[in-house]
Amino acid sequence: MTVRSLRIGTRGSPLALAQTHMVRAALAQAHGVAEDHFAIEIIKTTGDQIQDRPLSESGGKGLFTKELDSALIAGDIDLAVHSSKDLPTHLPAEIVIAGYLPREDARDAWIGRNGVTLDQLPAGAVVGTASLRRAAQVKRLRPDVQTTLLRGNVHTRLNKVERGEIDATLLALAGLKRLGLADRATALLSLDDFPPAVGQGAIGITSRANDPETRAALAPLLDEATALALLAERAFLAALDGSCRTPIAGHATVKDRDLSFYGEVLKADGSEVWIVRRHGRAIDAAMIGADAGNEIVLKLPHGVAGLM
């Protein structure tokens, strides 16, 4: 039986559209239908419209998802495609994460003007980023450089480096690869020095909780190892009550039936860092992530709020 036509919701940025076309192509291949059997609906989000201030001052990462959530709940779309690091810790009760495509490389890429690396930056150089995590990690290694807010899509950020408005920026390698821009990276940053945001590198798909038909259609696309890794990472974030207001990194890997997790929380100025490592059975992913988060909470002298 031919799968029914599904309406796929997405933000309108070049990266969001590239990821949505990946999902549509995978759906079409899985079910042996033409790609245009599935419609793409572009939905403007509040997060895309705010460019002059950090999202942490405007309501957090949910600003990239709430309009898509509303469209799902209203029945205007059947599924929504997200960069998983943009998914808030808690979703509306009517919505579930159906799953994830296989995860891409989770590392950050460094883009330096004229090929300058982090180590080569002169004192007082300016690194642009919209991420408190990346800013804190840069300051931890190079407290003598400045960080400044850098919003906009990937091309906008790259162009600001080229024009010399900033000396460098950091972007997710996965996004650069999906846009065919991986060659713009000056260097790939190690997971030890720059552990990624929770969910980085994974394309997440949400659907209505009461729509098993759509989830069944998506099932052939979804990757179990990625789902288990992100289950641990998101449990870590939830235990910390984390959002884009706090510099938090979390990364899990699954091999066979085992899961390894690394978590990190930093002061905003990079002057202190709290680290946790866990290893256990992949089936216990949520428990491993939550336990790691609770360990960090006990270590923080003034709670997560004191890091902002």
C-alpha atoms as a PDB file:
ATOM      1  CA  MET A   1       0.000   0.000   0.000  1.00  0.00           C
ATOM      2  CA  THR A   2       1.349   3.443  -0.951  1.00  0.00           C
ATOM      3  CA  VAL A   3       2.212   5.664   1.998  1.00  0.00           C
ATOM      4  CA  ARG A   4      -0.092   8.649   2.284  1.00  0.00           C
ATOM      5  CA  SER A   5       1.168  12.064   1.311  1.00  0.00           C
ATOM      6  CA  LEU A   6       2.760  13.770   4.289  1.00  0.00           C
ATOM      7  CA  ARG A   7       3.291  17.493   4.873  1.00  0.00           C
ATOM      8  CA  ILE A   8       6.773  18.238   6.199  1.00  0.00           C
ATOM      9  CA  GLY A   9       7.256  21.439   8.205  1.00  0.00           C
ATOM     10  CA  THR A  10      10.573  23.272   8.339  1.00  0.00           C
ATOM     11  CA  ARG A  11      12.230  26.591   8.966  1.00  0.00           C
ATOM     12  CA  GLY A  12      13.242  28.492   5.866  1.00  0.00           C
ATOM     13  CA  SER A  13      17.007  28.786   6.355  1.00  0.00           C
ATOM     14  CA  PRO A  14      19.268  27.124   3.756  1.00  0.00           C
ATOM     15  CA  LEU A  15      20.445  24.564   6.322  1.00  0.00           C
ATOM     16  CA  ALA A  16      16.918  23.765   7.512  1.00  0.00           C
ATOM     17  CA  LEU A  17      15.805  23.263   3.911  1.00  0.00           C
ATOM     18  CA  ALA A  18      18.818  21.078   3.105  1.00  0.00           C
ATOM     19  CA  GLN A  19      18.014  18.857   6.087  1.00  0.00           C
ATOM     20  CA  THR A  20      14.329  18.712   5.163  1.00  0.00           C
ATOM     21  CA  HIS A  21      15.167  17.652   1.616  1.00  0.00           C
ATOM     22  CA  MET A  22      17.324  14.882   3.128  1.00  0.00           C
ATOM     23  CA  VAL A  23      14.326  13.643   5.113  1.00  0.00           C
ATOM     24  CA  ARG A  24      11.996  13.865   2.108  1.00  0.00           C
ATOM     25  CA  ALA A  25      14.467  11.989  -0.116  1.00  0.00           C
ATOM     26  CA  ALA A  26      14.858   9.264   2.504  1.00  0.00           C
ATOM     27  CA  LEU A  27      11.070   8.959   2.859  1.00  0.00           C
ATOM     28  CA  ALA A  28      10.628   8.696  -0.892  1.00  0.00           C
ATOM     29  CA  GLN A  29      13.330   6.041  -1.203  1.00  0.00           C
ATOM     30  CA  ALA A  30      11.990   4.035   1.732  1.00  0.00           C
ATOM     31  CA  HIS A  31       8.495   3.903   0.268  1.00  0.00           C
ATOM     32  CA  GLY A  32       9.287   3.799  -3.436  1.00  0.00           C
ATOM     33  CA  VAL A  33       7.489   7.016  -4.356  1.00  0.00           C
ATOM     34  CA  ALA A  34       8.497  10.315  -5.968  1.00  0.00           C
ATOM     35  CA  GLU A  35       9.843  12.991  -3.636  1.00  0.00           C
ATOM     36  CA  ASP A  36       7.011  15.368  -4.523  1.00  0.00           C
ATOM     37  CA  HIS A  37       4.626  12.860  -2.944  1.00  0.00           C
ATOM     38  CA  PHE A  38       5.636  14.679   0.257  1.00  0.00           C
ATOM     39  CA  ALA A  39       4.995  18.415   0.476  1.00  0.00           C
ATOM     40  CA  ILE A  40       7.392  20.816   2.193  1.00  0.00           C
ATOM     41  CA  GLU A  41       5.820  23.645   4.181  1.00  0.00           C
ATOM     42  CA  ILE A  42       8.109  26.520   5.180  1.00  0.00           C
ATOM     43  CA  ILE A  43       7.140  28.092   8.493  1.00  0.00           C
ATOM     44  CA  LYS A  44       8.691  31.290   9.821  1.00  0.00           C
ATOM     45  CA  THR A  45       9.872  30.998  13.416  1.00  0.00           C
ATOM     46  CA  THR A  46      10.444  33.687  15.988  1.00  0.00           C
ATOM     47  CA  GLY A  47      14.055  32.564  16.409  1.00  0.00           C
ATOM     48  CA  ASP A  48      14.806  33.271  12.746  1.00  0.00           C
ATOM     49  CA  GLN A  49      13.426  36.786  13.028  1.00  0.00           C
ATOM     50  CA  ILE A  50      15.486  37.793  16.096  1.00  0.00           C
ATOM     51  CA  GLN A  51      18.969  38.751  14.912  1.00  0.00           C
ATOM     52  CA  ASP A  52      20.032  41.584  17.214  1.00  0.00           C
ATOM     53  CA  ARG A  53      20.284  39.848  20.594  1.00  0.00           C
ATOM     54  CA  PRO A  54      21.021  36.441  22.118  1.00  0.00           C
ATOM     55  CA  LEU A  55      18.143  33.982  22.114  1.00  0.00           C
ATOM     56  CA  SER A  56      18.805  33.526  25.838  1.00  0.00           C
ATOM     57  CA  GLU A  57      17.355  37.022  26.314  1.00  0.00           C
ATOM     58  CA  SER A  58      14.259  36.278  24.253  1.00  0.00           C
ATOM     59  CA  GLY A  59      12.981  32.925  25.471  1.00  0.00           C
ATOM     60  CA  GLY A  60      15.597  30.342  24.556  1.00  0.00           C
ATOM     61  CA  LYS A  61      15.901  27.673  21.889  1.00  0.00           C
ATOM     62  CA  GLY A  62      12.126  27.028  21.849  1.00  0.00           C
ATOM     63  CA  LEU A  63      11.928  30.106  19.641  1.00  0.00           C
ATOM     64  CA  PHE A  64      13.052  27.884  16.758  1.00  0.00           C
ATOM     65  CA  THR A  65      10.321  25.307  17.354  1.00  0.00           C
ATOM     66  CA  LYS A  66       7.144  26.848  18.765  1.00  0.00           C
ATOM     67  CA  GLU A  67       5.601  27.827  15.416  1.00  0.00           C
ATOM     68  CA  LEU A  68       6.383  24.373  14.046  1.00  0.00           C
ATOM     69  CA  ASP A  69       4.837  22.864  17.175  1.00  0.00           C
ATOM     70  CA  SER A  70       1.709  24.967  16.683  1.00  0.00           C
ATOM     71  CA  ALA A  71       1.413  23.852  13.057  1.00  0.00           C
ATOM     72  CA  LEU A  72       1.751  20.213  14.112  1.00  0.00           C
ATOM     73  CA  ILE A  73      -0.868  20.509  16.823  1.00  0.00           C
ATOM     74  CA  ALA A  74      -3.260  22.305  14.437  1.00  0.00           C
ATOM     75  CA  GLY A  75      -2.831  19.568  11.840  1.00  0.00           C
ATOM     76  CA  ASP A  76      -1.328  21.898   9.239  1.00  0.00           C
ATOM     77  CA  ILE A  77       1.732  19.634   8.922  1.00  0.00           C
ATOM     78  CA  ASP A  78       2.313  15.965   9.760  1.00  0.00           C
ATOM     79  CA  LEU A  79       5.959  16.099  10.816  1.00  0.00           C
ATOM     80  CA  ALA A  80       8.616  18.721  11.455  1.00  0.00           C
ATOM     81  CA  VAL A  81      12.349  18.554  10.774  1.00  0.00           C
ATOM     82  CA  HIS A  82      14.789  20.078  13.261  1.00  0.00           C
ATOM     83  CA  SER A  83      18.450  20.420  14.045  1.00  0.00           C
ATOM     84  CA  SER A  84      18.247  18.348  17.219  1.00  0.00           C
ATOM     85  CA  LYS A  85      20.313  20.807  19.240  1.00  0.00           C
ATOM     86  CA  ASP A  86      17.464  23.312  18.732  1.00  0.00           C
ATOM     87  CA  LEU A  87      14.867  21.036  20.323  1.00  0.00           C
ATOM     88  CA  PRO A  88      13.896  22.302  23.789  1.00  0.00           C
ATOM     89  CA  THR A  89      14.263  19.992  26.746  1.00  0.00           C
ATOM     90  CA  HIS A  90      10.505  19.721  27.197  1.00  0.00           C
ATOM     91  CA  LEU A  91       8.059  19.428  24.309  1.00  0.00           C
ATOM     92  CA  PRO A  92       4.297  20.086  24.342  1.00  0.00           C
ATOM     93  CA  ALA A  93       2.326  17.044  25.480  1.00  0.00           C
ATOM     94  CA  GLU A  94       0.769  16.675  22.021  1.00  0.00           C
ATOM     95  CA  ILE A  95       4.165  16.255  20.327  1.00  0.00           C
ATOM     96  CA  VAL A  96       6.798  13.514  20.401  1.00  0.00           C
ATOM     97  CA  ILE A  97      10.235  13.074  18.889  1.00  0.00           C
ATOM     98  CA  ALA A  98       9.580  10.376  16.304  1.00  0.00           C
ATOM     99  CA  GLY A  99      13.321   9.756  15.944  1.00  0.00           C
ATOM    100  CA  TYR A 100      16.512  10.810  14.205  1.00  0.00           C
ATOM    101  CA  LEU A 101      18.375  10.237  10.980  1.00  0.00           C
ATOM    102  CA  PRO A 102      21.827   8.656  11.478  1.00  0.00           C
ATOM    103  CA  ARG A 103      24.024  11.232  13.172  1.00  0.00           C
ATOM    104  CA  GLU A 104      26.619  13.191  11.207  1.00  0.00           C
ATOM    105  CA  ASP A 105      30.014  14.185  12.659  1.00  0.00           C
ATOM    106  CA  ALA A 106      29.233  16.085  15.883  1.00  0.00           C
ATOM    107  CA  ARG A 107      32.399  18.195  16.000  1.00  0.00           C
ATOM    108  CA  ASP A 108      32.628  21.963  15.744  1.00  0.00           C
ATOM    109  CA  ALA A 109      34.527  23.549  12.869  1.00  0.00           C
ATOM    110  CA  TRP A 110      36.757  26.575  13.320  1.00  0.00           C
ATOM    111  CA  ILE A 111      36.636  29.212  10.597  1.00  0.00           C
ATOM    112  CA  GLY A 112      39.441  31.760  10.901  1.00  0.00           C
ATOM    113  CA  ARG A 113      40.013  34.730   8.623  1.00  0.00           C
ATOM    114  CA  ASN A 114      42.928  33.998   6.301  1.00  0.00           C
ATOM    115  CA  GLY A 115      43.208  30.512   7.805  1.00  0.00           C
ATOM    116  CA  VAL A 116      44.137  31.664  11.308  1.00  0.00           C
ATOM    117  CA  THR A 117      43.619  29.005  13.974  1.00  0.00           C
ATOM    118  CA  LEU A 118      42.537  29.538  17.582  1.00  0.00           C
ATOM    119  CA  ASP A 119      46.135  29.187  18.775  1.00  0.00           C
ATOM    120  CA  GLN A 120      47.321  31.768  16.239  1.00  0.00           C
ATOM    121  CA  LEU A 121      44.781  34.477  17.093  1.00  0.00           C
ATOM    122  CA  PRO A 122      46.415  37.635  18.447  1.00  0.00           C
ATOM    123  CA  ALA A 123      45.376  38.892  21.874  1.00  0.00           C
ATOM    124  CA  GLY A 124      42.210  40.962  21.629  1.00  0.00           C
ATOM    125  CA  ALA A 125      40.989  39.200  18.477  1.00  0.00           C
ATOM    126  CA  VAL A 126      37.218  38.892  18.118  1.00  0.00           C
ATOM    127  CA  VAL A 127      35.442  35.540  17.791  1.00  0.00           C
ATOM    128  CA  GLY A 128      31.780  35.710  16.816  1.00  0.00           C
ATOM    129  CA  THR A 129      29.249  33.127  17.979  1.00  0.00           C
ATOM    130  CA  ALA A 130      25.634  32.890  19.060  1.00  0.00           C
ATOM    131  CA  SER A 131      26.450  29.990  21.399  1.00  0.00           C
ATOM    132  CA  LEU A 132      27.245  30.562  25.067  1.00  0.00           C
ATOM    133  CA  ARG A 133      28.865  27.111  25.091  1.00  0.00           C
ATOM    134  CA  ARG A 134      31.238  27.926  22.251  1.00  0.00           C
ATOM    135  CA  ALA A 135      32.048  31.340  23.723  1.00  0.00           C
ATOM    136  CA  ALA A 136      32.876  29.807  27.114  1.00  0.00           C
ATOM    137  CA  GLN A 137      34.997  27.063  25.530  1.00  0.00           C
ATOM    138  CA  VAL A 138      36.945  29.640  23.515  1.00  0.00           C
ATOM    139  CA  LYS A 139      37.513  31.781  26.613  1.00  0.00           C
ATOM    140  CA  ARG A 140      38.610  28.750  28.594  1.00  0.00           C
ATOM    141  CA  LEU A 141      41.472  28.149  26.159  1.00  0.00           C
ATOM    142  CA  ARG A 142      42.096  31.771  25.148  1.00  0.00           C
ATOM    143  CA  PRO A 143      40.950  34.180  27.885  1.00  0.00           C
ATOM    144  CA  ASP A 144      42.789  36.969  26.065  1.00  0.00           C
ATOM    145  CA  VAL A 145      40.420  37.024  23.062  1.00  0.00           C
ATOM    146  CA  GLN A 146      37.004  38.634  22.869  1.00  0.00           C
ATOM    147  CA  THR A 147      33.714  36.990  21.931  1.00  0.00           C
ATOM    148  CA  THR A 148      30.771  38.791  20.398  1.00  0.00           C
ATOM    149  CA  LEU A 149      27.228  37.898  19.352  1.00  0.00           C
ATOM    150  CA  LEU A 150      26.971  36.533  15.819  1.00  0.00           C
ATOM    151  CA  ARG A 151      23.487  35.650  14.562  1.00  0.00           C
ATOM    152  CA  GLY A 152      22.256  34.763  11.086  1.00  0.00           C
ATOM    153  CA  ASN A 153      22.407  31.747   8.821  1.00  0.00           C
ATOM    154  CA  VAL A 154      25.607  29.877   7.981  1.00  0.00           C
ATOM    155  CA  HIS A 155      26.395  31.929   4.871  1.00  0.00           C
ATOM    156  CA  THR A 156      25.911  35.192   6.781  1.00  0.00           C
ATOM    157  CA  ARG A 157      28.356  34.109   9.466  1.00  0.00           C
ATOM    158  CA  LEU A 158      30.957  32.933   6.975  1.00  0.00           C
ATOM    159  CA  ASN A 159      30.699  36.183   5.057  1.00  0.00           C
ATOM    160  CA  LYS A 160      31.311  38.231   8.200  1.00  0.00           C
ATOM    161  CA  VAL A 161      34.577  36.391   8.726  1.00  0.00           C
ATOM    162  CA  GLU A 162      35.580  36.930   5.097  1.00  0.00           C
ATOM    163  CA  ARG A 163      34.841  40.657   5.302  1.00  0.00           C
ATOM    164  CA  GLY A 164      36.908  41.008   8.453  1.00  0.00           C
ATOM    165  CA  GLU A 165      34.002  42.048  10.674  1.00  0.00           C
ATOM    166  CA  ILE A 166      35.193  39.329  13.054  1.00  0.00           C
ATOM    167  CA  ASP A 167      38.401  37.314  13.167  1.00  0.00           C
ATOM    168  CA  ALA A 168      36.846  33.872  13.482  1.00  0.00           C
ATOM    169  CA  THR A 169      33.723  31.871  14.227  1.00  0.00           C
ATOM    170  CA  LEU A 170      32.735  28.307  15.098  1.00  0.00           C
ATOM    171  CA  LEU A 171      30.032  26.309  13.332  1.00  0.00           C
ATOM    172  CA  ALA A 172      28.774  22.742  13.458  1.00  0.00           C
ATOM    173  CA  LEU A 173      30.690  20.636  10.962  1.00  0.00           C
ATOM    174  CA  ALA A 174      27.494  18.709  10.190  1.00  0.00           C
ATOM    175  CA  GLY A 175      25.766  21.838   8.949  1.00  0.00           C
ATOM    176  CA  LEU A 176      28.725  22.828   6.773  1.00  0.00           C
ATOM    177  CA  LYS A 177      28.788  19.351   5.236  1.00  0.00           C
ATOM    178  CA  ARG A 178      25.067  19.381   4.496  1.00  0.00           C
ATOM    179  CA  LEU A 179      25.466  22.727   2.733  1.00  0.00           C
ATOM    180  CA  GLY A 180      28.528  21.589   0.782  1.00  0.00           C
ATOM    181  CA  LEU A 181      30.712  24.054   2.676  1.00  0.00           C
ATOM    182  CA  ALA A 182      32.997  21.752   4.677  1.00  0.00           C
ATOM    183  CA  ASP A 183      35.990  23.113   2.771  1.00  0.00           C
ATOM    184  CA  ARG A 184      35.459  26.474   4.487  1.00  0.00           C
ATOM    185  CA  ALA A 185      36.645  25.026   7.792  1.00  0.00           C
ATOM    186  CA  THR A 186      40.104  26.135   8.882  1.00  0.00           C
ATOM    187  CA  ALA A 187      40.315  23.338  11.454  1.00  0.00           C
ATOM    188  CA  LEU A 188      38.137  20.664  13.047  1.00  0.00           C
ATOM    189  CA  LEU A 189      37.992  21.042  16.815  1.00  0.00           C
ATOM    190  CA  SER A 190      38.534  18.033  19.044  1.00  0.00           C
ATOM    191  CA  LEU A 191      35.704  16.616  21.111  1.00  0.00           C
ATOM    192  CA  ASP A 192      37.998  16.898  24.147  1.00  0.00           C
ATOM    193  CA  ASP A 193      38.478  20.668  23.901  1.00  0.00           C
ATOM    194  CA  PHE A 194      35.135  21.497  22.293  1.00  0.00           C
ATOM    195  CA  PRO A 195      32.526  18.893  23.223  1.00  0.00           C
ATOM    196  CA  PRO A 196      29.362  19.716  21.283  1.00  0.00           C
ATOM    197  CA  ALA A 197      25.916  20.888  22.208  1.00  0.00           C
ATOM    198  CA  VAL A 198      23.410  18.204  23.138  1.00  0.00           C
ATOM    199  CA  GLY A 199      22.014  16.788  19.896  1.00  0.00           C
ATOM    200  CA  GLN A 200      24.579  18.411  17.608  1.00  0.00           C
ATOM    201  CA  GLY A 201      24.935  16.656  14.264  1.00  0.00           C
ATOM    202  CA  ALA A 202      21.577  14.856  14.439  1.00  0.00           C
ATOM    203  CA  ILE A 203      18.472  15.667  12.410  1.00  0.00           C
ATOM    204  CA  GLY A 204      15.422  15.188  14.619  1.00  0.00           C
ATOM    205  CA  ILE A 205      11.856  14.626  13.449  1.00  0.00           C
ATOM    206  CA  THR A 206       8.795  15.469  15.544  1.00  0.00           C
ATOM    207  CA  SER A 207       5.210  14.367  14.993  1.00  0.00           C
ATOM    208  CA  ARG A 208       1.895  14.364  16.814  1.00  0.00           C
ATOM    209  CA  ALA A 209       1.694  11.947  19.727  1.00  0.00           C
ATOM    210  CA  ASN A 210      -1.671  10.649  18.445  1.00  0.00           C
ATOM    211  CA  ASP A 211      -0.433   9.951  14.902  1.00  0.00           C
ATOM    212  CA  PRO A 212       1.042   6.432  14.795  1.00  0.00           C
ATOM    213  CA  GLU A 213       0.591   6.296  10.996  1.00  0.00           C
ATOM    214  CA  THR A 214       3.158   9.041  10.429  1.00  0.00           C
ATOM    215  CA  ARG A 215       5.586   7.464  12.889  1.00  0.00           C
ATOM    216  CA  ALA A 216       5.226   4.130  11.070  1.00  0.00           C
ATOM    217  CA  ALA A 217       6.020   5.845   7.766  1.00  0.00           C
ATOM    218  CA  LEU A 218       9.133   7.383   9.321  1.00  0.00           C
ATOM    219  CA  ALA A 219      10.348   4.178  10.987  1.00  0.00           C
ATOM    220  CA  PRO A 220      12.564   2.941   8.085  1.00  0.00           C
ATOM    221  CA  LEU A 221      14.559   6.209   8.178  1.00  0.00           C
ATOM    222  CA  LEU A 222      15.324   6.307  11.872  1.00  0.00           C
ATOM    223  CA  ASP A 223      18.562   5.282  13.569  1.00  0.00           C
ATOM    224  CA  GLU A 224      18.447   3.468  16.898  1.00  0.00           C
ATOM    225  CA  ALA A 225      22.031   4.251  17.974  1.00  0.00           C
ATOM    226  CA  THR A 226      21.463   7.972  17.429  1.00  0.00           C
ATOM    227  CA  ALA A 227      18.194   7.786  19.375  1.00  0.00           C
ATOM    228  CA  LEU A 228      19.911   6.135  22.350  1.00  0.00           C
ATOM    229  CA  ALA A 229      22.779   8.643  22.303  1.00  0.00           C
ATOM    230  CA  LEU A 230      20.377  11.582  22.273  1.00  0.00           C
ATOM    231  CA  LEU A 231      18.224   9.989  24.953  1.00  0.00           C
ATOM    232  CA  ALA A 232      21.243  10.142  27.261  1.00  0.00           C
ATOM    233  CA  GLU A 233      22.211  13.657  26.178  1.00  0.00           C
ATOM    234  CA  ARG A 234      18.705  15.079  26.587  1.00  0.00           C
ATOM    235  CA  ALA A 235      18.337  13.406  29.994  1.00  0.00           C
ATOM    236  CA  PHE A 236      21.586  15.103  31.018  1.00  0.00           C
ATOM    237  CA  LEU A 237      20.213  18.450  29.859  1.00  0.00           C
ATOM    238  CA  ALA A 238      16.905  17.888  31.648  1.00  0.00           C
ATOM    239  CA  ALA A 239      18.653  17.068  34.939  1.00  0.00           C
ATOM    240  CA  LEU A 240      20.491  20.381  34.669  1.00  0.00           C
ATOM    241  CA  ASP A 241      17.319  22.192  33.646  1.00  0.00           C
ATOM    242  CA  GLY A 242      19.540  23.338  30.795  1.00  0.00           C
ATOM    243  CA  SER A 243      18.752  25.752  27.983  1.00  0.00           C
ATOM    244  CA  CYS A 244      20.674  28.081  25.701  1.00  0.00           C
ATOM    245  CA  ARG A 245      21.059  30.338  28.754  1.00  0.00           C
ATOM    246  CA  THR A 246      23.737  28.025  30.163  1.00  0.00           C
ATOM    247  CA  PRO A 247      27.054  26.826  28.665  1.00  0.00           C
ATOM    248  CA  ILE A 248      26.423  23.067  28.564  1.00  0.00           C
ATOM    249  CA  ALA A 249      27.984  20.367  26.385  1.00  0.00           C
ATOM    250  CA  GLY A 250      26.961  16.738  26.232  1.00  0.00           C
ATOM    251  CA  HIS A 251      27.925  13.957  23.860  1.00  0.00           C
ATOM    252  CA  ALA A 252      27.133  10.245  23.895  1.00  0.00           C
ATOM    253  CA  THR A 253      28.322   7.472  21.605  1.00  0.00           C
ATOM    254  CA  VAL A 254      26.866   3.999  21.215  1.00  0.00           C
ATOM    255  CA  LYS A 255      28.887   0.983  20.168  1.00  0.00           C
ATOM    256  CA  ASP A 256      27.250  -2.413  20.101  1.00  0.00           C
ATOM    257  CA  ARG A 257      25.283  -2.433  23.358  1.00  0.00           C
ATOM    258  CA  ASP A 258      27.463   0.030  25.257  1.00  0.00           C
ATOM    259  CA  LEU A 259      27.071   3.776  25.713  1.00  0.00           C
ATOM    260  CA  SER A 260      29.769   6.280  26.644  1.00  0.00           C
ATOM    261  CA  PHE A 261      28.851   9.784  27.783  1.00  0.00           C
ATOM    262  CA  TYR A 262      30.830  12.972  28.353  1.00  0.00           C
ATOM    263  CA  GLY A 263      29.233  16.058  29.869  1.00  0.00           C
ATOM    264  CA  GLU A 264      30.570  19.509  30.589  1.00  0.00           C
ATOM    265  CA  VAL A 265      29.206  22.668  32.214  1.00  0.00           C
ATOM    266  CA  LEU A 266      31.175  25.905  32.145  1.00  0.00           C
ATOM    267  CA  LYS A 267      31.046  29.337  33.673  1.00  0.00           C
ATOM    268  CA  ALA A 268      30.124  31.856  31.004  1.00  0.00           C
ATOM    269  CA  ASP A 269      33.621  33.369  31.073  1.00  0.00           C
ATOM    270  CA  GLY A 270      35.299  29.967  30.772  1.00  0.00           C
ATOM    271  CA  SER A 271      37.099  30.368  34.085  1.00  0.00           C
ATOM    272  CA  GLU A 272      35.705  27.138  35.559  1.00  0.00           C
ATOM    273  CA  VAL A 273      34.483  23.881  34.106  1.00  0.00           C
ATOM    274  CA  TRP A 274      32.745  20.850  35.613  1.00  0.00           C
ATOM    275  CA  ILE A 275      33.143  17.533  33.798  1.00  0.00           C
ATOM    276  CA  VAL A 276      31.428  14.176  34.112  1.00  0.00           C
ATOM    277  CA  ARG A 277      31.964  10.853  32.344  1.00  0.00           C
ATOM    278  CA  ARG A 278      29.753   7.798  32.309  1.00  0.00           C
ATOM    279  CA  HIS A 279      29.791   4.388  30.689  1.00  0.00           C
ATOM    280  CA  GLY A 280      27.091   1.757  30.754  1.00  0.00           C
ATOM    281  CA  ARG A 281      24.545  -0.245  28.825  1.00  0.00           C
ATOM    282  CA  ALA A 282      22.905   1.584  25.936  1.00  0.00           C
ATOM    283  CA  ILE A 283      19.518   0.365  27.116  1.00  0.00           C
ATOM    284  CA  ASP A 284      20.055   2.495  30.248  1.00  0.00           C
ATOM    285  CA  ALA A 285      20.712   5.667  28.212  1.00  0.00           C
ATOM    286  CA  ALA A 286      18.180   7.887  29.992  1.00  0.00           C
ATOM    287  CA  MET A 287      19.369   6.807  33.432  1.00  0.00           C
ATOM    288  CA  ILE A 288      23.032   7.351  32.488  1.00  0.00           C
ATOM    289  CA  GLY A 289      22.362  10.883  31.241  1.00  0.00           C
ATOM    290  CA  ALA A 290      20.221  11.850  34.207  1.00  0.00           C
ATOM    291  CA  ASP A 291      22.768  10.466  36.676  1.00  0.00           C
ATOM    292  CA  ALA A 292      25.541  12.444  34.977  1.00  0.00           C
ATOM    293  CA  GLY A 293      23.468  15.622  35.148  1.00  0.00           C
ATOM    294  CA  ASN A 294      22.658  15.127  38.804  1.00  0.00           C
ATOM    295  CA  GLU A 295      26.353  14.673  39.582  1.00  0.00           C
ATOM    296  CA  ILE A 296      27.127  18.036  37.981  1.00  0.00           C
ATOM    297  CA  VAL A 297      24.295  19.724  39.903  1.00  0.00           C
ATOM    298  CA  LEU A 298      25.827  18.544  43.188  1.00  0.00           C
ATOM    299  CA  LYS A 299      29.220  19.991  42.176  1.00  0.00           C
ATOM    300  CA  LEU A 300      28.007  23.465  41.246  1.00  0.00           C
ATOM    301  CA  PRO A 301      28.502  25.869  44.155  1.00  0.00           C
ATOM    302  CA  HIS A 302      25.567  28.140  43.240  1.00  0.00           C
ATOM    303  CA  GLY A 303      23.480  25.951  40.975  1.00  0.00           C
ATOM    304  CA  VAL A 304      23.096  26.213  37.214  1.00  0.00           C
ATOM    305  CA  ALA A 305      21.663  29.735  37.517  1.00  0.00           C
ATOM    306  CA  GLY A 306      24.978  30.933  38.948  1.00  0.00           C
ATOM    307  CA  LEU A 307      26.722  30.203  35.643  1.00  0.00           C
ATOM    308  CA  MET A 308      24.781  32.755  33.604  1.00  0.00           C
END
